[in-house]
Amino acid sequence: MDVGGIIWLSVKVAFVAVVFSLPLAFAVSWVIARTRLPGRWLLQAAVTLPLVLPPVVTGYFLLQWFGRNGAAGRFLDSFFGISFAFNWTGAALAAGTMAFPLLVRPIRLSLESVDRGLEEAARTLGAGRIRTFLTVTLPLALPGVFAAFALGFAKAMGEFGATITFVGNIPGVTQTLPIAIYSLMQTPDGDASARYLIGISLVVGIAAILISEMIGYWL
């Protein structure tokens, strides 16, 4: 088993999942924290849903929608050439879906902690909405974004259930760190490699939690 390839694939999947999920997570966090949109509590509930559903169920829904026979999957493949089925991009989609709630929460809390008086002062001094956002709101909310990235990356690195349900266990293509650990535990003489990968998972998880807690304490 190519341990280096597994680690590289897992890092790539987690990084892509978080980078592409962050803008949407920020937009959703803004709607929840800064608007009075009726029913935004339903949006918050929908965001939290992947945390309470069994990951296999989330993977099943992804398969139904983004698989080769799914409506979204056929559309993206036909018009943009993007295929998620049995591909590492599908693993990134599954990881991003499962990590999404952990991206939204710290960003929302960070936006709620921004002093509105500073934004109003900037507007009074002639700054428009976009300039106020770029020079006041976003810099003050960045710690929450960094915390979200750390937690989301660790969650994406450890995603198992939705990934294996959606894209399977294909060595070198969709076999990420937790799936490789599971496979090694099912094979003779795989304990040593499994323990090595488990150690890496622990380091990533502990580092992400420490970074998130340090940022939260600083805030």
N, C-alpha and C. Protein backbone atom coordinates (compact mmCIF):
# COMPACT_ATOMS: atom_id res chain seq x y z
N MET A 1 0.85 -1.20 0.00
CA MET A 1 0.00 0.00 0.00
C MET A 1 0.88 1.25 0.00
N ASP A 2 0.57 2.18 -0.89
CA ASP A 2 1.34 3.42 -1.03
C ASP A 2 0.89 4.42 0.03
N VAL A 3 1.58 4.41 1.18
CA VAL A 3 1.19 5.29 2.28
C VAL A 3 1.34 6.76 1.91
N GLY A 4 2.45 7.08 1.23
CA GLY A 4 2.65 8.47 0.81
C GLY A 4 1.57 8.95 -0.13
N GLY A 5 1.16 8.10 -1.06
CA GLY A 5 0.09 8.46 -1.99
C GLY A 5 -1.24 8.65 -1.28
N ILE A 6 -1.50 7.83 -0.27
CA ILE A 6 -2.74 7.95 0.50
C ILE A 6 -2.78 9.28 1.24
N ILE A 7 -1.65 9.64 1.87
CA ILE A 7 -1.60 10.91 2.62
C ILE A 7 -1.75 12.09 1.66
N TRP A 8 -1.06 12.04 0.52
CA TRP A 8 -1.17 13.13 -0.44
C TRP A 8 -2.59 13.27 -0.97
N LEU A 9 -3.24 12.14 -1.30
CA LEU A 9 -4.62 12.19 -1.78
C LEU A 9 -5.55 12.76 -0.72
N SER A 10 -5.34 12.36 0.53
CA SER A 10 -6.20 12.85 1.61
C SER A 10 -6.03 14.35 1.81
N VAL A 11 -4.79 14.83 1.76
CA VAL A 11 -4.53 16.26 1.90
C VAL A 11 -5.16 17.03 0.74
N LYS A 12 -5.01 16.49 -0.48
CA LYS A 12 -5.59 17.15 -1.66
C LYS A 12 -7.11 17.23 -1.57
N VAL A 13 -7.72 16.11 -1.19
CA VAL A 13 -9.18 16.06 -1.08
C VAL A 13 -9.67 17.04 -0.01
N ALA A 14 -9.01 17.03 1.15
CA ALA A 14 -9.43 17.91 2.24
C ALA A 14 -9.25 19.38 1.88
N PHE A 15 -8.11 19.71 1.27
CA PHE A 15 -7.84 21.10 0.92
C PHE A 15 -8.85 21.62 -0.11
N VAL A 16 -9.08 20.84 -1.16
CA VAL A 16 -10.04 21.25 -2.19
C VAL A 16 -11.44 21.37 -1.59
N ALA A 17 -11.81 20.41 -0.74
CA ALA A 17 -13.14 20.44 -0.12
C ALA A 17 -13.36 21.71 0.68
N VAL A 18 -12.36 22.10 1.48
CA VAL A 18 -12.52 23.27 2.34
C VAL A 18 -12.44 24.56 1.53
N VAL A 19 -11.51 24.65 0.59
CA VAL A 19 -11.35 25.88 -0.20
C VAL A 19 -12.61 26.20 -0.99
N PHE A 20 -13.21 25.18 -1.59
CA PHE A 20 -14.41 25.42 -2.38
C PHE A 20 -15.66 25.60 -1.51
N SER A 21 -15.62 25.10 -0.28
CA SER A 21 -16.77 25.24 0.60
C SER A 21 -16.77 26.56 1.37
N LEU A 22 -15.59 27.15 1.57
CA LEU A 22 -15.49 28.35 2.40
C LEU A 22 -16.32 29.53 1.90
N PRO A 23 -16.27 29.87 0.59
CA PRO A 23 -17.09 31.01 0.15
C PRO A 23 -18.57 30.81 0.41
N LEU A 24 -19.08 29.61 0.14
CA LEU A 24 -20.49 29.34 0.41
C LEU A 24 -20.77 29.37 1.90
N ALA A 25 -19.85 28.83 2.69
CA ALA A 25 -20.03 28.85 4.14
C ALA A 25 -20.06 30.28 4.67
N PHE A 26 -19.23 31.15 4.10
CA PHE A 26 -19.21 32.55 4.52
C PHE A 26 -20.54 33.22 4.16
N ALA A 27 -21.04 32.95 2.95
CA ALA A 27 -22.31 33.55 2.52
C ALA A 27 -23.46 33.09 3.42
N VAL A 28 -23.50 31.80 3.72
CA VAL A 28 -24.56 31.27 4.58
C VAL A 28 -24.42 31.86 5.98
N SER A 29 -23.20 31.96 6.48
CA SER A 29 -22.98 32.54 7.80
C SER A 29 -23.44 34.00 7.85
N TRP A 30 -23.21 34.71 6.76
CA TRP A 30 -23.64 36.12 6.69
C TRP A 30 -25.16 36.22 6.75
N VAL A 31 -25.83 35.36 6.01
CA VAL A 31 -27.29 35.38 6.01
C VAL A 31 -27.84 35.10 7.40
N ILE A 32 -27.25 34.13 8.08
CA ILE A 32 -27.73 33.75 9.41
C ILE A 32 -27.41 34.83 10.44
N ALA A 33 -26.22 35.41 10.36
CA ALA A 33 -25.76 36.34 11.39
C ALA A 33 -26.18 37.78 11.15
N ARG A 34 -26.34 38.17 9.88
CA ARG A 34 -26.49 39.59 9.59
C ARG A 34 -27.83 39.98 8.96
N THR A 35 -28.66 39.05 8.61
CA THR A 35 -29.92 39.41 7.98
C THR A 35 -31.09 39.02 8.88
N ARG A 36 -32.23 39.56 8.57
CA ARG A 36 -33.45 39.21 9.28
C ARG A 36 -34.38 38.42 8.35
N LEU A 37 -33.76 37.59 7.53
CA LEU A 37 -34.52 36.79 6.59
C LEU A 37 -35.46 35.85 7.35
N PRO A 38 -36.75 35.89 7.03
CA PRO A 38 -37.69 34.99 7.72
C PRO A 38 -37.32 33.53 7.48
N GLY A 39 -37.35 32.77 8.53
CA GLY A 39 -37.06 31.35 8.41
C GLY A 39 -35.58 31.02 8.33
N ARG A 40 -34.71 31.97 8.71
CA ARG A 40 -33.28 31.66 8.62
C ARG A 40 -32.87 30.58 9.61
N TRP A 41 -33.74 30.34 10.61
CA TRP A 41 -33.47 29.23 11.52
C TRP A 41 -33.58 27.90 10.78
N LEU A 42 -34.42 27.87 9.73
CA LEU A 42 -34.48 26.66 8.91
C LEU A 42 -33.17 26.45 8.15
N LEU A 43 -32.58 27.56 7.71
CA LEU A 43 -31.28 27.47 7.03
C LEU A 43 -30.22 26.93 7.99
N GLN A 44 -30.24 27.42 9.23
CA GLN A 44 -29.31 26.92 10.23
C GLN A 44 -29.52 25.43 10.49
N ALA A 45 -30.79 25.02 10.53
CA ALA A 45 -31.09 23.60 10.74
C ALA A 45 -30.59 22.76 9.57
N ALA A 46 -30.77 23.26 8.36
CA ALA A 46 -30.31 22.52 7.18
C ALA A 46 -28.79 22.39 7.17
N VAL A 47 -28.10 23.46 7.61
CA VAL A 47 -26.64 23.42 7.66
C VAL A 47 -26.16 22.38 8.67
N THR A 48 -26.88 22.26 9.78
CA THR A 48 -26.48 21.33 10.84
C THR A 48 -26.81 19.88 10.50
N LEU A 49 -27.71 19.66 9.54
CA LEU A 49 -28.22 18.32 9.24
C LEU A 49 -27.12 17.27 9.01
N PRO A 50 -26.05 17.56 8.24
CA PRO A 50 -25.03 16.52 8.05
C PRO A 50 -24.36 16.04 9.32
N LEU A 51 -24.42 16.84 10.39
CA LEU A 51 -23.81 16.42 11.65
C LEU A 51 -24.66 15.39 12.38
N VAL A 52 -25.97 15.40 12.15
CA VAL A 52 -26.86 14.51 12.89
C VAL A 52 -27.31 13.31 12.06
N LEU A 53 -27.24 13.42 10.75
CA LEU A 53 -27.57 12.29 9.90
C LEU A 53 -26.43 11.28 9.90
N PRO A 54 -26.73 9.99 9.78
CA PRO A 54 -25.63 9.03 9.57
C PRO A 54 -24.88 9.39 8.28
N PRO A 55 -23.55 9.39 8.30
CA PRO A 55 -22.79 9.75 7.10
C PRO A 55 -23.16 8.91 5.88
N VAL A 56 -23.56 7.65 6.12
CA VAL A 56 -23.96 6.79 5.00
C VAL A 56 -25.18 7.37 4.29
N VAL A 57 -26.10 7.97 5.06
CA VAL A 57 -27.29 8.58 4.47
C VAL A 57 -26.90 9.77 3.62
N THR A 58 -25.99 10.60 4.12
CA THR A 58 -25.50 11.73 3.34
C THR A 58 -24.85 11.25 2.05
N GLY A 59 -24.04 10.19 2.15
CA GLY A 59 -23.41 9.63 0.96
C GLY A 59 -24.42 9.10 -0.03
N TYR A 60 -25.50 8.52 0.48
CA TYR A 60 -26.56 8.01 -0.41
C TYR A 60 -27.22 9.16 -1.18
N PHE A 61 -27.53 10.25 -0.49
CA PHE A 61 -28.14 11.40 -1.17
C PHE A 61 -27.18 11.99 -2.20
N LEU A 62 -25.90 12.06 -1.87
CA LEU A 62 -24.92 12.55 -2.85
C LEU A 62 -24.88 11.64 -4.07
N LEU A 63 -24.97 10.34 -3.84
CA LEU A 63 -24.95 9.38 -4.94
C LEU A 63 -26.18 9.56 -5.83
N GLN A 64 -27.33 9.81 -5.21
CA GLN A 64 -28.56 9.98 -5.97
C GLN A 64 -28.55 11.27 -6.79
N TRP A 65 -27.92 12.31 -6.26
CA TRP A 65 -27.94 13.60 -6.95
C TRP A 65 -26.74 13.82 -7.86
N PHE A 66 -25.56 13.39 -7.41
CA PHE A 66 -24.34 13.71 -8.15
C PHE A 66 -23.69 12.49 -8.78
N GLY A 67 -24.32 11.32 -8.67
CA GLY A 67 -23.81 10.14 -9.35
C GLY A 67 -24.03 10.25 -10.86
N ARG A 68 -23.60 9.25 -11.57
CA ARG A 68 -23.71 9.29 -13.03
C ARG A 68 -25.15 9.36 -13.50
N ASN A 69 -26.06 8.80 -12.73
CA ASN A 69 -27.47 8.82 -13.11
C ASN A 69 -28.26 9.89 -12.37
N GLY A 70 -27.57 10.67 -11.53
CA GLY A 70 -28.24 11.74 -10.81
C GLY A 70 -28.44 12.97 -11.68
N ALA A 71 -29.45 13.77 -11.34
CA ALA A 71 -29.78 14.95 -12.14
C ALA A 71 -28.61 15.93 -12.18
N ALA A 72 -28.06 16.26 -11.02
CA ALA A 72 -26.94 17.21 -10.98
C ALA A 72 -25.69 16.60 -11.62
N GLY A 73 -25.47 15.30 -11.40
CA GLY A 73 -24.30 14.65 -11.96
C GLY A 73 -24.31 14.63 -13.48
N ARG A 74 -25.46 14.33 -14.07
CA ARG A 74 -25.57 14.32 -15.54
C ARG A 74 -25.39 15.71 -16.11
N PHE A 75 -25.97 16.71 -15.44
CA PHE A 75 -25.87 18.09 -15.92
C PHE A 75 -24.42 18.57 -15.89
N LEU A 76 -23.73 18.37 -14.78
CA LEU A 76 -22.35 18.83 -14.66
C LEU A 76 -21.42 18.10 -15.62
N ASP A 77 -21.69 16.81 -15.83
CA ASP A 77 -20.85 16.03 -16.73
C ASP A 77 -21.08 16.43 -18.18
N SER A 78 -22.33 16.69 -18.55
CA SER A 78 -22.67 17.01 -19.95
C SER A 78 -22.21 18.40 -20.35
N PHE A 79 -22.38 19.39 -19.47
CA PHE A 79 -22.11 20.77 -19.84
C PHE A 79 -20.74 21.30 -19.39
N PHE A 80 -20.19 20.71 -18.34
CA PHE A 80 -18.92 21.23 -17.81
C PHE A 80 -17.82 20.17 -17.75
N GLY A 81 -18.16 18.94 -18.04
CA GLY A 81 -17.17 17.87 -17.99
C GLY A 81 -16.70 17.53 -16.60
N ILE A 82 -17.52 17.85 -15.61
CA ILE A 82 -17.16 17.57 -14.21
C ILE A 82 -17.85 16.27 -13.79
N SER A 83 -17.06 15.31 -13.38
CA SER A 83 -17.59 14.02 -12.95
C SER A 83 -17.19 13.74 -11.52
N PHE A 84 -18.17 13.38 -10.69
CA PHE A 84 -17.90 13.08 -9.29
C PHE A 84 -17.88 11.58 -9.01
N ALA A 85 -18.56 10.80 -9.83
CA ALA A 85 -18.70 9.37 -9.55
C ALA A 85 -17.35 8.65 -9.67
N PHE A 86 -16.98 7.91 -8.62
CA PHE A 86 -15.75 7.10 -8.60
C PHE A 86 -14.52 7.94 -8.96
N ASN A 87 -14.49 9.17 -8.43
CA ASN A 87 -13.40 10.09 -8.71
C ASN A 87 -13.02 10.79 -7.41
N TRP A 88 -11.79 11.31 -7.36
CA TRP A 88 -11.36 12.00 -6.15
C TRP A 88 -12.16 13.28 -5.93
N THR A 89 -12.70 13.85 -7.02
CA THR A 89 -13.55 15.04 -6.86
C THR A 89 -14.82 14.71 -6.09
N GLY A 90 -15.32 13.49 -6.26
CA GLY A 90 -16.47 13.05 -5.48
C GLY A 90 -16.12 12.91 -4.01
N ALA A 91 -14.90 12.44 -3.73
CA ALA A 91 -14.45 12.37 -2.34
C ALA A 91 -14.37 13.77 -1.73
N ALA A 92 -13.92 14.75 -2.53
CA ALA A 92 -13.86 16.14 -2.05
C ALA A 92 -15.25 16.69 -1.80
N LEU A 93 -16.20 16.35 -2.67
CA LEU A 93 -17.58 16.80 -2.48
C LEU A 93 -18.16 16.22 -1.20
N ALA A 94 -17.94 14.94 -0.98
CA ALA A 94 -18.45 14.30 0.24
C ALA A 94 -17.80 14.90 1.48
N ALA A 95 -16.49 15.10 1.43
CA ALA A 95 -15.77 15.67 2.57
C ALA A 95 -16.23 17.11 2.83
N GLY A 96 -16.42 17.89 1.77
CA GLY A 96 -16.88 19.26 1.94
C GLY A 96 -18.28 19.33 2.52
N THR A 97 -19.15 18.40 2.11
CA THR A 97 -20.51 18.37 2.64
C THR A 97 -20.52 18.07 4.13
N MET A 98 -19.71 17.10 4.54
CA MET A 98 -19.67 16.73 5.95
C MET A 98 -18.99 17.79 6.80
N ALA A 99 -18.03 18.51 6.21
CA ALA A 99 -17.31 19.54 6.97
C ALA A 99 -18.04 20.88 7.00
N PHE A 100 -19.04 21.05 6.16
CA PHE A 100 -19.69 22.35 6.00
C PHE A 100 -20.23 22.93 7.31
N PRO A 101 -20.90 22.15 8.16
CA PRO A 101 -21.39 22.74 9.42
C PRO A 101 -20.26 23.28 10.29
N LEU A 102 -19.09 22.64 10.25
CA LEU A 102 -17.97 23.11 11.06
C LEU A 102 -17.32 24.35 10.46
N LEU A 103 -17.62 24.64 9.21
CA LEU A 103 -17.15 25.88 8.60
C LEU A 103 -18.08 27.04 8.96
N VAL A 104 -19.37 26.77 8.97
CA VAL A 104 -20.35 27.83 9.17
C VAL A 104 -20.31 28.36 10.61
N ARG A 105 -20.25 27.47 11.58
CA ARG A 105 -20.38 27.90 12.98
C ARG A 105 -19.32 28.92 13.40
N PRO A 106 -18.01 28.67 13.26
CA PRO A 106 -17.05 29.68 13.71
C PRO A 106 -17.11 30.98 12.91
N ILE A 107 -17.44 30.89 11.61
CA ILE A 107 -17.56 32.12 10.82
C ILE A 107 -18.76 32.93 11.30
N ARG A 108 -19.86 32.25 11.57
CA ARG A 108 -21.06 32.96 12.07
C ARG A 108 -20.77 33.63 13.40
N LEU A 109 -20.12 32.92 14.31
CA LEU A 109 -19.80 33.51 15.61
C LEU A 109 -18.84 34.69 15.46
N SER A 110 -17.92 34.59 14.52
CA SER A 110 -16.98 35.68 14.29
C SER A 110 -17.69 36.91 13.73
N LEU A 111 -18.61 36.69 12.81
CA LEU A 111 -19.37 37.81 12.25
C LEU A 111 -20.25 38.47 13.32
N GLU A 112 -20.82 37.67 14.19
CA GLU A 112 -21.67 38.22 15.25
C GLU A 112 -20.86 39.02 16.26
N SER A 113 -19.56 38.72 16.37
CA SER A 113 -18.73 39.42 17.34
C SER A 113 -18.15 40.72 16.80
N VAL A 114 -18.29 40.98 15.50
CA VAL A 114 -17.77 42.22 14.91
C VAL A 114 -18.57 43.40 15.43
N ASP A 115 -17.87 44.42 15.88
CA ASP A 115 -18.50 45.63 16.40
C ASP A 115 -19.18 46.39 15.26
N ARG A 116 -20.50 46.45 15.31
CA ARG A 116 -21.23 47.17 14.26
C ARG A 116 -20.90 48.66 14.25
N GLY A 117 -20.48 49.18 15.41
CA GLY A 117 -20.14 50.60 15.48
C GLY A 117 -18.96 50.95 14.58
N LEU A 118 -18.01 50.04 14.44
CA LEU A 118 -16.88 50.29 13.56
C LEU A 118 -17.34 50.34 12.10
N GLU A 119 -18.26 49.49 11.75
CA GLU A 119 -18.80 49.52 10.38
C GLU A 119 -19.57 50.80 10.13
N GLU A 120 -20.35 51.23 11.10
CA GLU A 120 -21.11 52.47 10.94
C GLU A 120 -20.17 53.67 10.85
N ALA A 121 -19.08 53.63 11.61
CA ALA A 121 -18.11 54.73 11.54
C ALA A 121 -17.48 54.81 10.16
N ALA A 122 -17.15 53.66 9.59
CA ALA A 122 -16.57 53.64 8.25
C ALA A 122 -17.55 54.18 7.23
N ARG A 123 -18.83 53.81 7.37
CA ARG A 123 -19.84 54.32 6.44
C ARG A 123 -20.00 55.83 6.60
N THR A 124 -19.91 56.31 7.84
CA THR A 124 -20.04 57.75 8.09
C THR A 124 -18.89 58.52 7.45
N LEU A 125 -17.70 57.89 7.40
CA LEU A 125 -16.53 58.53 6.82
C LEU A 125 -16.50 58.42 5.30
N GLY A 126 -17.52 57.85 4.72
CA GLY A 126 -17.63 57.84 3.27
C GLY A 126 -17.36 56.52 2.60
N ALA A 127 -17.06 55.47 3.36
CA ALA A 127 -16.81 54.17 2.74
C ALA A 127 -18.12 53.53 2.32
N GLY A 128 -18.12 52.93 1.14
CA GLY A 128 -19.30 52.23 0.68
C GLY A 128 -19.43 50.87 1.34
N ARG A 129 -20.48 50.15 0.96
CA ARG A 129 -20.71 48.84 1.58
C ARG A 129 -19.56 47.87 1.29
N ILE A 130 -19.11 47.84 0.04
CA ILE A 130 -18.06 46.90 -0.33
C ILE A 130 -16.75 47.25 0.37
N ARG A 131 -16.41 48.55 0.38
CA ARG A 131 -15.16 48.96 1.02
C ARG A 131 -15.22 48.71 2.53
N THR A 132 -16.36 48.96 3.14
CA THR A 132 -16.51 48.69 4.57
C THR A 132 -16.34 47.21 4.87
N PHE A 133 -16.91 46.38 3.99
CA PHE A 133 -16.77 44.93 4.18
C PHE A 133 -15.32 44.50 4.06
N LEU A 134 -14.62 45.01 3.03
CA LEU A 134 -13.25 44.57 2.77
C LEU A 134 -12.25 45.10 3.79
N THR A 135 -12.49 46.31 4.30
CA THR A 135 -11.50 46.94 5.18
C THR A 135 -11.84 46.85 6.67
N VAL A 136 -13.09 46.56 6.99
CA VAL A 136 -13.48 46.50 8.41
C VAL A 136 -14.02 45.12 8.78
N THR A 137 -15.09 44.71 8.11
CA THR A 137 -15.78 43.47 8.52
C THR A 137 -14.92 42.24 8.30
N LEU A 138 -14.39 42.09 7.07
CA LEU A 138 -13.63 40.88 6.75
C LEU A 138 -12.38 40.72 7.61
N PRO A 139 -11.56 41.78 7.78
CA PRO A 139 -10.39 41.60 8.66
C PRO A 139 -10.76 41.19 10.09
N LEU A 140 -11.85 41.74 10.62
CA LEU A 140 -12.25 41.39 11.98
C LEU A 140 -12.82 39.97 12.05
N ALA A 141 -13.35 39.47 10.93
CA ALA A 141 -13.93 38.12 10.91
C ALA A 141 -12.93 37.06 10.51
N LEU A 142 -11.72 37.47 10.09
CA LEU A 142 -10.73 36.50 9.61
C LEU A 142 -10.35 35.42 10.63
N PRO A 143 -10.22 35.76 11.93
CA PRO A 143 -9.91 34.68 12.88
C PRO A 143 -10.92 33.54 12.83
N GLY A 144 -12.20 33.89 12.68
CA GLY A 144 -13.22 32.86 12.57
C GLY A 144 -13.06 32.05 11.30
N VAL A 145 -12.63 32.70 10.23
CA VAL A 145 -12.41 32.00 8.96
C VAL A 145 -11.24 31.02 9.11
N PHE A 146 -10.17 31.47 9.78
CA PHE A 146 -9.02 30.59 10.00
C PHE A 146 -9.40 29.39 10.87
N ALA A 147 -10.18 29.65 11.91
CA ALA A 147 -10.63 28.55 12.77
C ALA A 147 -11.50 27.58 12.00
N ALA A 148 -12.36 28.12 11.14
CA ALA A 148 -13.23 27.26 10.32
C ALA A 148 -12.39 26.41 9.38
N PHE A 149 -11.36 27.01 8.79
CA PHE A 149 -10.51 26.26 7.87
C PHE A 149 -9.83 25.11 8.59
N ALA A 150 -9.31 25.37 9.79
CA ALA A 150 -8.61 24.33 10.54
C ALA A 150 -9.55 23.18 10.90
N LEU A 151 -10.72 23.51 11.43
CA LEU A 151 -11.67 22.46 11.81
C LEU A 151 -12.19 21.72 10.59
N GLY A 152 -12.52 22.47 9.54
CA GLY A 152 -13.05 21.85 8.33
C GLY A 152 -12.03 20.94 7.67
N PHE A 153 -10.77 21.35 7.68
CA PHE A 153 -9.72 20.52 7.07
C PHE A 153 -9.57 19.21 7.83
N ALA A 154 -9.57 19.29 9.17
CA ALA A 154 -9.45 18.07 9.97
C ALA A 154 -10.65 17.15 9.75
N LYS A 155 -11.84 17.73 9.70
CA LYS A 155 -13.04 16.92 9.47
C LYS A 155 -13.00 16.27 8.09
N ALA A 156 -12.57 17.03 7.08
CA ALA A 156 -12.49 16.49 5.72
C ALA A 156 -11.43 15.38 5.63
N MET A 157 -10.33 15.54 6.35
CA MET A 157 -9.29 14.50 6.37
C MET A 157 -9.82 13.21 6.99
N GLY A 158 -10.75 13.32 7.94
CA GLY A 158 -11.25 12.15 8.64
C GLY A 158 -12.56 11.61 8.13
N GLU A 159 -13.09 12.18 7.06
CA GLU A 159 -14.39 11.73 6.56
C GLU A 159 -14.31 10.31 5.99
N PHE A 160 -15.26 9.48 6.39
CA PHE A 160 -15.26 8.07 5.98
C PHE A 160 -16.59 7.64 5.36
N GLY A 161 -17.67 7.73 6.15
CA GLY A 161 -18.94 7.12 5.76
C GLY A 161 -19.52 7.63 4.45
N ALA A 162 -19.63 8.95 4.33
CA ALA A 162 -20.21 9.52 3.11
C ALA A 162 -19.32 9.27 1.91
N THR A 163 -18.00 9.30 2.12
CA THR A 163 -17.06 9.11 1.01
C THR A 163 -17.13 7.70 0.45
N ILE A 164 -17.06 6.71 1.32
CA ILE A 164 -17.05 5.33 0.84
C ILE A 164 -18.40 4.94 0.23
N THR A 165 -19.48 5.57 0.71
CA THR A 165 -20.79 5.30 0.14
C THR A 165 -20.94 5.94 -1.24
N PHE A 166 -20.37 7.11 -1.40
CA PHE A 166 -20.54 7.87 -2.64
C PHE A 166 -19.57 7.44 -3.73
N VAL A 167 -18.29 7.30 -3.40
CA VAL A 167 -17.28 7.03 -4.44
C VAL A 167 -16.52 5.73 -4.24
N GLY A 168 -16.82 5.00 -3.16
CA GLY A 168 -16.21 3.70 -2.98
C GLY A 168 -14.78 3.76 -2.47
N ASN A 169 -14.11 2.62 -2.55
CA ASN A 169 -12.75 2.45 -2.04
C ASN A 169 -11.85 2.03 -3.19
N ILE A 170 -11.36 3.01 -3.94
CA ILE A 170 -10.51 2.74 -5.10
C ILE A 170 -9.10 3.22 -4.78
N PRO A 171 -8.13 2.31 -4.62
CA PRO A 171 -6.76 2.72 -4.29
C PRO A 171 -6.20 3.71 -5.31
N GLY A 172 -5.63 4.78 -4.79
CA GLY A 172 -5.03 5.79 -5.65
C GLY A 172 -6.01 6.79 -6.23
N VAL A 173 -7.31 6.54 -6.05
CA VAL A 173 -8.33 7.43 -6.64
C VAL A 173 -9.24 8.01 -5.56
N THR A 174 -9.84 7.14 -4.75
CA THR A 174 -10.76 7.61 -3.70
C THR A 174 -10.40 7.06 -2.33
N GLN A 175 -9.31 6.33 -2.22
CA GLN A 175 -8.93 5.72 -0.93
C GLN A 175 -8.20 6.74 -0.07
N THR A 176 -8.96 7.48 0.71
CA THR A 176 -8.38 8.49 1.59
C THR A 176 -7.91 7.83 2.89
N LEU A 177 -7.41 8.64 3.79
CA LEU A 177 -6.78 8.15 5.02
C LEU A 177 -7.68 7.23 5.84
N PRO A 178 -8.89 7.64 6.21
CA PRO A 178 -9.73 6.75 7.02
C PRO A 178 -10.14 5.48 6.29
N ILE A 179 -10.37 5.58 4.98
CA ILE A 179 -10.73 4.40 4.21
C ILE A 179 -9.56 3.43 4.14
N ALA A 180 -8.34 3.97 4.00
CA ALA A 180 -7.16 3.12 3.98
C ALA A 180 -6.96 2.43 5.32
N ILE A 181 -7.21 3.16 6.42
CA ILE A 181 -7.10 2.55 7.75
C ILE A 181 -8.08 1.39 7.88
N TYR A 182 -9.30 1.61 7.42
CA TYR A 182 -10.32 0.55 7.47
C TYR A 182 -9.88 -0.66 6.64
N SER A 183 -9.33 -0.41 5.46
CA SER A 183 -8.88 -1.51 4.60
C SER A 183 -7.72 -2.27 5.23
N LEU A 184 -6.79 -1.54 5.83
CA LEU A 184 -5.64 -2.20 6.46
C LEU A 184 -6.06 -3.05 7.65
N MET A 185 -7.08 -2.61 8.35
CA MET A 185 -7.55 -3.38 9.50
C MET A 185 -8.24 -4.68 9.08
N GLN A 186 -8.62 -4.75 7.81
CA GLN A 186 -9.28 -5.96 7.31
C GLN A 186 -8.30 -6.93 6.66
N THR A 187 -7.03 -6.56 6.57
CA THR A 187 -6.05 -7.40 5.89
C THR A 187 -4.99 -7.90 6.86
N PRO A 188 -4.46 -9.10 6.65
CA PRO A 188 -3.39 -9.59 7.51
C PRO A 188 -2.13 -8.71 7.38
N ASP A 189 -1.42 -8.59 8.47
CA ASP A 189 -0.16 -7.84 8.50
C ASP A 189 -0.35 -6.36 8.14
N GLY A 190 -1.56 -5.86 8.34
CA GLY A 190 -1.79 -4.45 8.04
C GLY A 190 -1.79 -3.56 9.26
N ASP A 191 -1.57 -4.15 10.44
CA ASP A 191 -1.67 -3.39 11.69
C ASP A 191 -0.63 -2.28 11.78
N ALA A 192 0.60 -2.56 11.36
CA ALA A 192 1.66 -1.55 11.49
C ALA A 192 1.35 -0.32 10.65
N SER A 193 0.96 -0.54 9.39
CA SER A 193 0.61 0.60 8.52
C SER A 193 -0.62 1.31 9.03
N ALA A 194 -1.59 0.55 9.55
CA ALA A 194 -2.80 1.17 10.09
C ALA A 194 -2.47 2.07 11.28
N ARG A 195 -1.59 1.59 12.17
CA ARG A 195 -1.20 2.41 13.32
C ARG A 195 -0.48 3.67 12.88
N TYR A 196 0.31 3.58 11.84
CA TYR A 196 1.02 4.76 11.32
C TYR A 196 0.03 5.81 10.81
N LEU A 197 -0.97 5.35 10.05
CA LEU A 197 -1.98 6.26 9.51
C LEU A 197 -2.87 6.81 10.62
N ILE A 198 -3.15 5.98 11.62
CA ILE A 198 -3.94 6.45 12.77
C ILE A 198 -3.18 7.55 13.51
N GLY A 199 -1.88 7.39 13.64
CA GLY A 199 -1.07 8.42 14.28
C GLY A 199 -1.13 9.74 13.53
N ILE A 200 -1.08 9.67 12.22
CA ILE A 200 -1.19 10.89 11.40
C ILE A 200 -2.55 11.54 11.60
N SER A 201 -3.60 10.73 11.64
CA SER A 201 -4.94 11.26 11.85
C SER A 201 -5.06 11.96 13.19
N LEU A 202 -4.46 11.37 14.22
CA LEU A 202 -4.50 11.99 15.55
C LEU A 202 -3.77 13.33 15.56
N VAL A 203 -2.61 13.38 14.91
CA VAL A 203 -1.84 14.63 14.86
C VAL A 203 -2.65 15.73 14.18
N VAL A 204 -3.25 15.40 13.03
CA VAL A 204 -4.05 16.38 12.30
C VAL A 204 -5.23 16.86 13.13
N GLY A 205 -5.94 15.93 13.76
CA GLY A 205 -7.11 16.29 14.54
C GLY A 205 -6.76 17.14 15.75
N ILE A 206 -5.73 16.75 16.49
CA ILE A 206 -5.33 17.52 17.67
C ILE A 206 -4.84 18.90 17.28
N ALA A 207 -4.06 18.98 16.19
CA ALA A 207 -3.57 20.29 15.74
C ALA A 207 -4.72 21.21 15.36
N ALA A 208 -5.72 20.68 14.67
CA ALA A 208 -6.86 21.49 14.26
C ALA A 208 -7.63 21.99 15.47
N ILE A 209 -7.84 21.13 16.47
CA ILE A 209 -8.57 21.54 17.67
C ILE A 209 -7.79 22.61 18.43
N LEU A 210 -6.48 22.42 18.56
CA LEU A 210 -5.66 23.40 19.28
C LEU A 210 -5.68 24.76 18.58
N ILE A 211 -5.56 24.74 17.26
CA ILE A 211 -5.59 26.00 16.51
C ILE A 211 -6.93 26.69 16.69
N SER A 212 -8.00 25.93 16.58
CA SER A 212 -9.33 26.50 16.73
C SER A 212 -9.54 27.08 18.13
N GLU A 213 -9.10 26.35 19.17
CA GLU A 213 -9.26 26.82 20.54
C GLU A 213 -8.40 28.05 20.81
N MET A 214 -7.19 28.08 20.27
CA MET A 214 -6.33 29.23 20.46
C MET A 214 -6.94 30.48 19.83
N ILE A 215 -7.50 30.32 18.63
CA ILE A 215 -8.15 31.47 17.97
C ILE A 215 -9.36 31.91 18.76
N GLY A 216 -10.16 30.93 19.24
CA GLY A 216 -11.33 31.28 20.03
C GLY A 216 -10.95 32.00 21.32
N TYR A 217 -9.87 31.54 21.97
CA TYR A 217 -9.42 32.20 23.20
C TYR A 217 -8.93 33.61 22.90
N TRP A 218 -8.23 33.77 21.79
CA TRP A 218 -7.73 35.09 21.41
C TRP A 218 -8.90 36.05 21.12
N LEU A 219 -9.95 35.51 20.44
CA LEU A 219 -11.11 36.34 20.16
C LEU A 219 -11.81 36.77 21.45
